[in-house]
N, C-alpha and C. Protein backbone atom coordinates (compact mmCIF):
# COMPACT_ATOMS: atom_id res chain seq x y z
N MET A 1 154.70 148.81 96.71
CA MET A 1 155.79 149.49 96.48
C MET A 1 155.51 150.51 95.18
N THR A 2 156.06 151.68 95.04
CA THR A 2 155.79 152.41 93.70
C THR A 2 157.00 152.79 93.17
N SER A 3 157.21 152.70 91.88
CA SER A 3 158.22 153.13 91.32
C SER A 3 157.99 154.38 90.30
N GLU A 4 158.63 155.41 89.98
CA GLU A 4 158.91 156.32 89.27
C GLU A 4 159.00 156.01 87.73
N ILE A 5 158.46 156.25 86.92
CA ILE A 5 158.80 155.79 85.58
C ILE A 5 158.22 157.24 84.63
N ARG A 6 158.88 157.52 83.43
CA ARG A 6 158.34 158.38 82.71
C ARG A 6 157.43 158.12 81.38
N ASN A 7 156.73 158.86 81.02
CA ASN A 7 155.81 158.46 80.08
C ASN A 7 156.44 159.08 78.62
N LEU A 8 155.76 159.05 77.60
CA LEU A 8 156.14 159.75 76.40
C LEU A 8 156.52 161.03 76.41
N LYS A 9 155.83 161.90 77.12
CA LYS A 9 156.24 163.18 77.22
C LYS A 9 157.29 163.59 78.25
N GLY A 10 157.85 162.81 79.08
CA GLY A 10 158.95 162.71 79.92
C GLY A 10 158.46 163.29 81.27
N GLU A 11 156.90 162.97 81.43
CA GLU A 11 156.53 163.25 82.94
C GLU A 11 156.99 162.28 83.92
N ILE A 12 157.10 162.57 84.92
CA ILE A 12 157.30 161.39 86.00
C ILE A 12 156.01 161.03 86.39
N ILE A 13 155.47 159.51 86.40
CA ILE A 13 154.23 159.27 86.78
C ILE A 13 154.37 158.25 87.83
N GLN A 14 153.74 157.84 88.81
CA GLN A 14 153.83 156.77 89.71
C GLN A 14 153.23 155.58 89.48
N TYR A 15 153.79 154.59 89.39
CA TYR A 15 153.22 153.14 88.80
C TYR A 15 153.33 152.42 90.06
N THR A 16 152.09 151.69 90.30
CA THR A 16 151.98 150.61 91.53
C THR A 16 151.67 149.47 90.73
N PRO A 17 152.58 148.45 90.87
CA PRO A 17 152.36 147.20 90.17
C PRO A 17 150.90 146.67 90.60
N GLU A 18 150.48 147.13 91.84
CA GLU A 18 149.26 146.30 92.23
C GLU A 18 148.10 146.64 91.50
N GLU A 19 148.08 147.83 90.64
CA GLU A 19 147.13 148.00 89.77
C GLU A 19 146.46 147.13 89.11
N ARG A 20 145.30 146.82 89.10
CA ARG A 20 144.62 145.91 88.07
C ARG A 20 144.61 146.49 86.72
N TRP A 21 144.49 145.60 85.55
CA TRP A 21 144.70 146.02 84.34
C TRP A 21 143.34 146.66 83.90
N TYR A 22 141.93 146.63 84.43
CA TYR A 22 140.97 146.96 84.34
C TYR A 22 140.72 148.60 84.89
N GLN A 23 141.76 148.92 85.43
CA GLN A 23 141.64 150.29 86.24
C GLN A 23 142.16 151.39 85.15
N MET A 24 141.73 151.51 84.15
CA MET A 24 142.09 152.37 83.23
C MET A 24 141.20 153.59 83.03
N PRO A 25 141.54 154.76 82.54
CA PRO A 25 140.68 155.91 82.54
C PRO A 25 139.37 155.60 81.65
N VAL A 26 138.31 156.44 81.91
CA VAL A 26 137.10 156.39 81.18
C VAL A 26 137.38 156.44 79.65
N SER A 27 138.37 157.48 79.29
CA SER A 27 138.46 157.86 77.90
C SER A 27 139.12 156.41 77.16
N THR A 28 139.95 155.61 78.11
CA THR A 28 140.35 154.37 77.34
C THR A 28 139.19 153.40 77.33
N TRP A 29 138.36 153.30 78.21
CA TRP A 29 137.27 152.40 78.11
C TRP A 29 136.03 152.85 76.96
N LEU A 30 136.03 153.93 76.96
CA LEU A 30 135.18 154.35 75.40
C LEU A 30 135.90 154.29 74.24
N LEU A 31 137.17 154.32 74.18
CA LEU A 31 137.76 153.98 73.07
C LEU A 31 137.87 152.45 72.60
N ILE A 32 137.90 151.80 73.64
CA ILE A 32 137.56 150.25 73.59
C ILE A 32 136.47 150.09 73.15
N GLY A 33 135.18 150.54 73.77
CA GLY A 33 134.01 150.29 73.54
C GLY A 33 133.73 150.72 72.08
N GLY A 34 134.19 152.21 71.57
CA GLY A 34 134.03 152.36 70.15
C GLY A 34 134.66 151.54 69.21
N LEU A 35 135.73 150.91 69.36
CA LEU A 35 136.50 149.87 68.49
C LEU A 35 135.71 148.73 68.17
N ILE A 36 135.26 148.32 69.44
CA ILE A 36 134.08 147.14 69.30
C ILE A 36 133.02 147.39 68.71
N LEU A 37 132.21 148.38 68.80
CA LEU A 37 131.23 148.97 67.96
C LEU A 37 131.38 148.87 66.51
N PHE A 38 132.64 149.55 66.05
CA PHE A 38 133.08 149.65 64.88
C PHE A 38 133.33 148.47 64.14
N ASN A 39 134.10 147.54 64.77
CA ASN A 39 133.95 146.39 64.20
C ASN A 39 133.08 145.45 64.03
N ALA A 40 131.96 145.45 64.89
CA ALA A 40 130.85 145.03 64.86
C ALA A 40 130.12 145.35 63.79
N GLY A 41 130.30 146.71 63.43
CA GLY A 41 129.33 147.46 62.54
C GLY A 41 130.01 147.12 61.02
N CYS A 42 131.38 146.82 60.77
CA CYS A 42 131.88 146.15 59.80
C CYS A 42 131.60 144.89 59.37
N PHE A 43 131.34 143.96 60.22
CA PHE A 43 131.45 142.64 60.09
C PHE A 43 129.67 142.16 60.20
N LEU A 44 128.83 142.95 60.43
CA LEU A 44 127.32 142.55 60.73
C LEU A 44 126.74 142.91 59.62
N SER A 45 125.48 142.32 59.44
CA SER A 45 124.46 142.81 58.32
C SER A 45 124.14 144.08 58.72
N PRO A 46 123.82 145.14 57.86
CA PRO A 46 123.24 146.46 58.55
C PRO A 46 121.70 146.14 58.90
N ASN A 47 121.43 145.34 58.17
CA ASN A 47 119.69 144.77 58.37
C ASN A 47 119.43 144.42 60.18
N LEU A 48 120.46 143.58 60.39
CA LEU A 48 120.74 143.34 61.92
C LEU A 48 120.83 144.61 62.86
N ILE A 49 121.72 145.61 62.53
CA ILE A 49 121.79 146.48 63.40
C ILE A 49 120.66 147.50 63.42
N ASP A 50 119.99 147.49 62.12
CA ASP A 50 118.88 148.42 62.01
C ASP A 50 117.89 147.74 62.70
N ASN A 51 117.60 146.50 62.87
CA ASN A 51 116.53 145.87 63.67
C ASN A 51 117.06 145.87 65.30
N ILE A 52 118.02 146.02 65.45
CA ILE A 52 118.46 146.36 67.15
C ILE A 52 118.17 147.44 67.43
N PHE A 53 118.54 148.64 66.66
CA PHE A 53 117.89 149.98 66.70
C PHE A 53 116.45 150.23 66.61
N ARG A 54 115.83 149.62 66.10
CA ARG A 54 114.04 149.51 65.90
C ARG A 54 113.73 148.91 67.18
N LEU A 55 114.43 148.09 67.86
CA LEU A 55 113.72 147.52 69.09
C LEU A 55 113.70 148.66 70.04
N LEU A 56 114.56 149.52 69.86
CA LEU A 56 114.74 150.84 70.89
C LEU A 56 113.80 151.89 70.65
N ASP A 57 113.05 151.80 69.56
CA ASP A 57 112.15 152.82 69.54
C ASP A 57 110.87 152.57 70.28
N ILE A 58 110.62 153.40 71.34
CA ILE A 58 109.30 153.16 72.13
C ILE A 58 108.22 153.42 71.45
N ARG A 59 107.91 153.94 70.42
CA ARG A 59 106.85 154.20 69.56
C ARG A 59 106.29 152.88 69.04
N LEU A 60 107.09 151.73 68.70
CA LEU A 60 106.82 150.68 68.16
C LEU A 60 106.44 149.62 69.06
N TRP A 61 106.67 149.89 70.72
CA TRP A 61 106.32 149.00 71.31
C TRP A 61 104.95 148.84 71.86
N PRO A 62 104.55 147.40 72.18
CA PRO A 62 103.15 147.12 72.46
C PRO A 62 102.90 148.08 73.89
N TRP A 63 101.66 148.29 74.30
CA TRP A 63 101.56 148.91 75.33
C TRP A 63 102.06 148.28 76.84
N TRP A 64 102.00 146.82 77.06
CA TRP A 64 102.53 146.11 77.97
C TRP A 64 103.98 146.08 78.00
N TYR A 65 104.60 146.48 77.28
CA TYR A 65 106.09 146.77 77.26
C TYR A 65 106.31 147.90 78.15
N LEU A 66 105.59 148.89 77.94
CA LEU A 66 105.54 150.13 79.00
C LEU A 66 105.19 149.76 80.21
N LEU A 67 104.18 148.98 80.68
CA LEU A 67 103.86 148.53 82.10
C LEU A 67 104.92 147.88 82.46
N PHE A 68 105.41 146.81 81.79
CA PHE A 68 106.73 146.32 82.38
C PHE A 68 107.84 146.96 82.60
N LEU A 69 108.23 148.20 81.93
CA LEU A 69 109.12 149.08 82.11
C LEU A 69 109.02 150.01 83.36
N ALA A 70 107.76 150.08 83.58
CA ALA A 70 107.16 151.02 84.79
C ALA A 70 107.56 149.95 85.82
N ILE A 71 106.93 148.73 85.98
CA ILE A 71 107.45 147.97 86.79
C ILE A 71 108.90 147.74 87.18
N PHE A 72 109.61 147.53 86.29
CA PHE A 72 110.90 147.28 86.24
C PHE A 72 111.66 148.46 87.10
N VAL A 73 111.27 149.95 86.36
CA VAL A 73 111.88 150.84 87.05
C VAL A 73 111.63 151.02 88.70
N ALA A 74 110.28 150.81 89.25
CA ALA A 74 109.88 150.48 90.36
C ALA A 74 110.65 149.44 91.38
N ILE A 75 110.80 148.51 90.64
CA ILE A 75 111.77 147.46 91.34
C ILE A 75 113.06 147.94 91.58
N THR A 76 113.61 148.46 90.44
CA THR A 76 115.07 148.92 90.64
C THR A 76 115.25 150.22 91.46
N VAL A 77 114.35 150.93 91.74
CA VAL A 77 114.33 152.04 92.66
C VAL A 77 114.48 151.47 93.95
N LYS A 78 113.50 150.52 94.21
CA LYS A 78 113.32 149.80 95.68
C LYS A 78 114.81 149.03 95.77
N TRP A 79 115.16 148.30 94.63
CA TRP A 79 116.61 147.69 95.10
C TRP A 79 117.70 148.64 95.44
N PHE A 80 117.62 149.77 94.79
CA PHE A 80 118.68 150.81 95.01
C PHE A 80 118.35 151.24 96.49
N PHE A 81 117.25 151.45 97.02
CA PHE A 81 116.95 151.79 98.34
C PHE A 81 117.48 150.55 99.44
N ILE A 82 117.07 149.48 99.04
CA ILE A 82 117.52 148.39 99.92
C ILE A 82 119.13 148.24 99.96
N TYR A 83 119.61 148.26 98.76
CA TYR A 83 121.26 148.49 98.76
C TYR A 83 121.95 149.35 99.58
N ARG A 84 121.51 150.72 99.58
CA ARG A 84 121.90 151.85 100.16
C ARG A 84 121.75 151.64 101.82
N ASN A 85 120.75 150.96 102.33
CA ASN A 85 120.13 151.03 103.48
C ASN A 85 120.49 149.63 104.39
N TRP A 86 121.36 148.92 103.59
CA TRP A 86 121.22 147.41 104.07
C TRP A 86 121.96 147.49 105.51
N GLU A 87 123.05 148.36 105.90
CA GLU A 87 123.72 148.19 106.99
C GLU A 87 122.48 148.56 108.34
N ASP A 88 121.66 149.52 107.82
CA ASP A 88 120.66 149.81 108.89
C ASP A 88 119.63 149.03 109.20
N TYR A 89 119.78 148.12 108.51
CA TYR A 89 118.35 146.90 108.76
C TYR A 89 118.65 146.17 110.04
N ASP A 90 117.55 146.08 110.51
CA ASP A 90 117.60 144.82 111.50
C ASP A 90 117.07 143.76 111.09
N GLU A 91 117.04 142.60 111.90
CA GLU A 91 116.84 141.10 111.49
C GLU A 91 115.36 141.06 110.61
N LEU A 92 114.31 141.60 111.01
CA LEU A 92 112.90 141.57 110.10
C LEU A 92 112.87 142.36 109.15
N GLU A 93 113.74 143.56 108.83
CA GLU A 93 113.82 144.22 107.71
C GLU A 93 114.67 143.74 106.61
N ALA A 94 115.83 143.13 106.99
CA ALA A 94 116.56 142.19 106.25
C ALA A 94 115.85 141.07 105.61
N GLU A 95 115.20 140.31 106.46
CA GLU A 95 114.24 139.18 105.99
C GLU A 95 113.00 139.74 104.91
N ALA A 96 112.59 141.13 105.14
CA ALA A 96 111.75 141.59 104.40
C ALA A 96 112.49 141.94 102.87
N ALA A 97 113.57 142.30 103.14
CA ALA A 97 114.52 142.90 101.93
C ALA A 97 114.84 141.77 100.92
N LYS A 98 115.15 140.49 101.85
CA LYS A 98 115.42 139.15 100.98
C LYS A 98 114.34 138.82 100.24
N ARG A 99 113.14 138.85 100.66
CA ARG A 99 111.72 138.21 100.30
C ARG A 99 111.39 139.32 99.03
N PHE A 100 111.68 140.61 99.41
CA PHE A 100 111.50 141.41 98.11
C PHE A 100 112.10 141.04 96.85
N THR A 101 113.66 140.86 97.25
CA THR A 101 114.62 140.74 96.29
C THR A 101 114.40 139.23 95.42
N ARG A 102 113.75 138.24 96.29
CA ARG A 102 113.22 136.90 95.71
C ARG A 102 112.25 137.26 94.47
N MET A 103 111.15 138.06 95.10
CA MET A 103 109.86 138.19 94.41
C MET A 103 110.46 139.18 93.14
N ALA A 104 111.20 140.05 93.23
CA ALA A 104 111.44 140.98 92.09
C ALA A 104 112.36 140.21 91.18
N VAL A 105 113.29 139.33 91.39
CA VAL A 105 113.95 138.65 90.58
C VAL A 105 112.95 137.71 89.76
N SER A 106 111.86 136.88 90.35
CA SER A 106 111.10 136.11 89.66
C SER A 106 110.14 136.83 88.70
N VAL A 107 109.64 138.20 89.20
CA VAL A 107 108.92 138.97 88.18
C VAL A 107 109.59 139.49 86.98
N THR A 108 110.69 140.00 87.40
CA THR A 108 111.84 140.15 86.53
C THR A 108 111.81 139.21 85.27
N VAL A 109 112.29 138.27 85.84
CA VAL A 109 112.28 136.94 84.93
C VAL A 109 111.34 136.56 83.99
N VAL A 110 110.28 136.51 84.60
CA VAL A 110 108.75 136.28 83.82
C VAL A 110 108.49 137.33 82.62
N MET A 111 108.85 138.63 83.34
CA MET A 111 108.65 139.75 82.33
C MET A 111 109.74 139.64 81.14
N ALA A 112 110.78 139.30 81.44
CA ALA A 112 112.02 138.86 80.15
C ALA A 112 111.54 138.09 79.46
N ILE A 113 111.13 136.76 80.00
CA ILE A 113 110.55 135.84 79.25
C ILE A 113 109.42 136.08 78.13
N LEU A 114 108.51 136.94 78.72
CA LEU A 114 107.22 137.18 77.90
C LEU A 114 107.65 138.15 76.94
N ILE A 115 108.79 139.05 76.92
CA ILE A 115 109.18 139.99 76.12
C ILE A 115 109.76 139.30 75.09
N LEU A 116 110.72 138.31 75.40
CA LEU A 116 111.46 137.65 74.64
C LEU A 116 110.51 136.61 73.44
N LEU A 117 109.71 136.10 74.31
CA LEU A 117 108.86 135.20 73.43
C LEU A 117 108.09 136.29 72.42
N ASN A 118 107.64 137.35 72.93
CA ASN A 118 106.93 138.22 71.90
C ASN A 118 107.81 138.60 70.83
N MET A 119 109.10 139.12 71.47
CA MET A 119 109.94 139.63 70.08
C MET A 119 110.33 138.68 68.76
N THR A 120 110.23 137.29 69.57
CA THR A 120 110.61 136.31 68.53
C THR A 120 109.37 135.60 68.02
N HIS A 121 108.24 136.17 67.94
CA HIS A 121 106.93 135.57 67.71
C HIS A 121 106.86 134.37 68.06
N LEU A 122 107.37 133.82 69.23
CA LEU A 122 106.94 132.45 69.84
C LEU A 122 105.57 132.40 70.56
N PHE A 123 105.33 133.79 71.14
CA PHE A 123 104.18 133.86 71.90
C PHE A 123 103.00 133.33 71.22
N ASN A 124 102.69 133.64 70.02
CA ASN A 124 101.68 133.12 69.32
C ASN A 124 101.91 131.47 69.23
N PHE A 125 102.86 131.02 68.90
CA PHE A 125 103.21 129.72 68.78
C PHE A 125 102.57 128.99 70.15
N PHE A 126 102.66 129.44 71.34
CA PHE A 126 102.03 128.99 72.53
C PHE A 126 100.47 129.26 72.66
N TYR A 127 100.31 130.63 72.00
CA TYR A 127 99.04 131.11 72.58
C TYR A 127 97.89 130.52 71.83
N TYR A 128 97.87 130.25 70.62
CA TYR A 128 96.77 129.71 69.78
C TYR A 128 96.61 128.41 70.04
N PRO A 129 97.56 127.28 70.25
CA PRO A 129 96.90 126.03 70.55
C PRO A 129 96.00 126.14 71.88
N LEU A 130 96.44 127.11 73.04
CA LEU A 130 96.13 127.07 74.14
C LEU A 130 94.46 127.80 74.07
N THR A 131 94.41 128.54 73.34
CA THR A 131 93.08 129.28 73.02
C THR A 131 92.21 128.07 72.24
N ARG A 132 92.58 127.40 71.35
CA ARG A 132 91.94 126.40 70.74
C ARG A 132 91.47 125.29 71.86
N TRP A 133 92.31 124.93 72.61
CA TRP A 133 92.16 124.23 73.85
C TRP A 133 90.90 124.50 74.67
N PHE A 134 91.28 125.74 75.14
CA PHE A 134 90.11 126.15 76.22
C PHE A 134 89.09 126.95 75.42
N GLY A 135 89.05 127.15 74.19
CA GLY A 135 87.89 127.94 73.68
C GLY A 135 86.83 126.87 72.89
N TYR A 136 87.71 126.02 72.19
CA TYR A 136 86.80 124.80 71.61
C TYR A 136 87.03 123.48 71.85
N GLY A 137 87.76 123.30 73.03
CA GLY A 137 87.75 121.86 73.49
C GLY A 137 88.79 120.99 72.69
N ASP A 138 89.64 121.40 71.61
CA ASP A 138 90.50 121.06 70.69
C ASP A 138 91.89 120.57 71.44
N PHE A 139 91.93 119.42 72.06
CA PHE A 139 93.28 119.25 72.67
C PHE A 139 94.47 119.10 71.87
N SER A 140 95.48 119.75 72.25
CA SER A 140 96.69 119.42 71.51
C SER A 140 97.91 119.38 72.52
N TRP A 141 98.92 118.57 72.24
CA TRP A 141 100.03 118.59 73.10
C TRP A 141 100.69 120.03 73.41
N ILE A 142 100.68 120.86 72.23
CA ILE A 142 101.24 122.22 72.43
C ILE A 142 100.78 122.90 73.31
N GLY A 143 99.31 122.76 73.36
CA GLY A 143 98.30 123.44 74.34
C GLY A 143 98.62 123.19 75.74
N PHE A 144 98.75 121.86 75.78
CA PHE A 144 99.00 121.46 77.04
C PHE A 144 100.50 121.85 77.82
N LEU A 145 101.23 121.97 76.80
CA LEU A 145 102.82 122.19 77.19
C LEU A 145 102.68 123.68 77.35
N SER A 146 102.09 124.46 76.78
CA SER A 146 101.73 125.94 76.90
C SER A 146 101.07 126.11 78.60
N PHE A 147 100.14 125.28 78.67
CA PHE A 147 99.50 125.35 80.01
C PHE A 147 100.40 124.90 80.99
N ILE A 148 101.27 124.09 80.89
CA ILE A 148 102.28 123.47 82.24
C ILE A 148 103.40 124.50 82.16
N LEU A 149 103.89 125.27 81.13
CA LEU A 149 104.76 126.39 81.07
C LEU A 149 104.24 127.60 81.81
N ILE A 150 102.95 127.89 81.44
CA ILE A 150 102.25 129.04 82.05
C ILE A 150 102.07 128.81 83.55
N PHE A 151 101.70 127.65 83.93
CA PHE A 151 101.69 127.35 85.39
C PHE A 151 102.82 127.30 86.25
N CYS A 152 103.72 126.76 85.72
CA CYS A 152 105.27 126.85 86.28
C CYS A 152 105.97 128.18 86.34
N ALA A 153 105.12 129.05 85.40
CA ALA A 153 105.85 130.42 85.67
C ALA A 153 104.87 131.26 86.64
N ILE A 154 103.83 130.83 86.49
CA ILE A 154 102.86 131.69 87.64
C ILE A 154 103.06 131.50 89.01
N VAL A 155 102.92 130.07 89.29
CA VAL A 155 103.14 129.37 90.49
C VAL A 155 104.28 130.21 91.71
N PRO A 156 105.36 130.20 91.15
CA PRO A 156 106.63 130.82 91.98
C PRO A 156 106.50 132.38 92.09
N VAL A 157 105.89 132.92 91.05
CA VAL A 157 105.55 134.38 91.11
C VAL A 157 104.76 134.73 92.19
N VAL A 158 103.49 133.89 91.95
CA VAL A 158 102.46 134.17 93.18
C VAL A 158 102.91 133.73 94.35
N TYR A 159 103.90 132.95 94.60
CA TYR A 159 104.21 132.33 95.91
C TYR A 159 105.19 133.59 96.21
N PHE A 160 106.37 134.11 95.76
CA PHE A 160 107.07 135.12 96.32
C PHE A 160 106.50 136.49 96.39
N VAL A 161 105.38 136.73 95.60
CA VAL A 161 104.77 137.85 95.93
C VAL A 161 103.89 137.94 97.01
N LYS A 162 103.40 136.63 97.09
CA LYS A 162 102.32 136.40 98.54
C LYS A 162 103.41 136.47 99.94
N GLU A 163 104.58 135.93 99.80
CA GLU A 163 105.64 136.00 100.91
C GLU A 163 105.81 137.21 101.29
N TRP A 164 106.29 138.18 100.15
CA TRP A 164 106.65 139.67 100.53
C TRP A 164 105.65 140.23 100.97
N LEU A 165 104.27 140.22 100.48
CA LEU A 165 103.01 140.72 101.05
C LEU A 165 102.80 140.53 102.43
N VAL A 166 102.85 139.19 102.90
CA VAL A 166 102.73 138.87 104.22
C VAL A 166 104.00 139.50 104.98
N THR A 167 104.96 139.63 104.69
CA THR A 167 106.22 140.08 105.42
C THR A 167 105.89 141.65 105.19
N PHE A 168 105.58 142.27 104.37
CA PHE A 168 105.29 143.81 104.35
C PHE A 168 104.29 144.02 105.32
N VAL A 169 103.39 143.40 105.00
CA VAL A 169 101.96 143.77 105.99
C VAL A 169 102.13 143.59 107.44
N SER A 170 102.99 142.52 107.78
CA SER A 170 103.27 142.17 109.09
C SER A 170 104.22 143.15 109.95
N GLN A 171 104.99 143.94 109.20
CA GLN A 171 105.81 144.99 109.87
C GLN A 171 105.17 146.15 110.54
């Protein structure tokens, strides 16, 4: 049911009570987003905001960030094609798409964890005890923990990649 109401200009607008609160025009959402950014800028440290924008500078990224970005873009494009053509897939193609999605999620999570570890400088915390353990035989529990974490991250990724490749090749 719609009822006619007038706005501040006196124009008659159609109001449907079934409309959701989040169905506002784009300009309203931009205004809300700008106000949130303005308030965040007022109360956060300028160094924090500077560091966030510095992370977006591609010139300061290590080379493997760009490799991860290329892999992420390729995965995203493939996800888009899967989403767009999902209704046209038969049973085998749907299974291959599901396996690709599992593989892509596991690879994306591992890439995000590696980037996060490198950004917080925890990568070196796990890397050096592992190199001392394998390079000099100097056992440490942190090196063992690093080995277990790497093993627990690699095994599911290898499994999902293998499952997707088997499904992809068998089509």
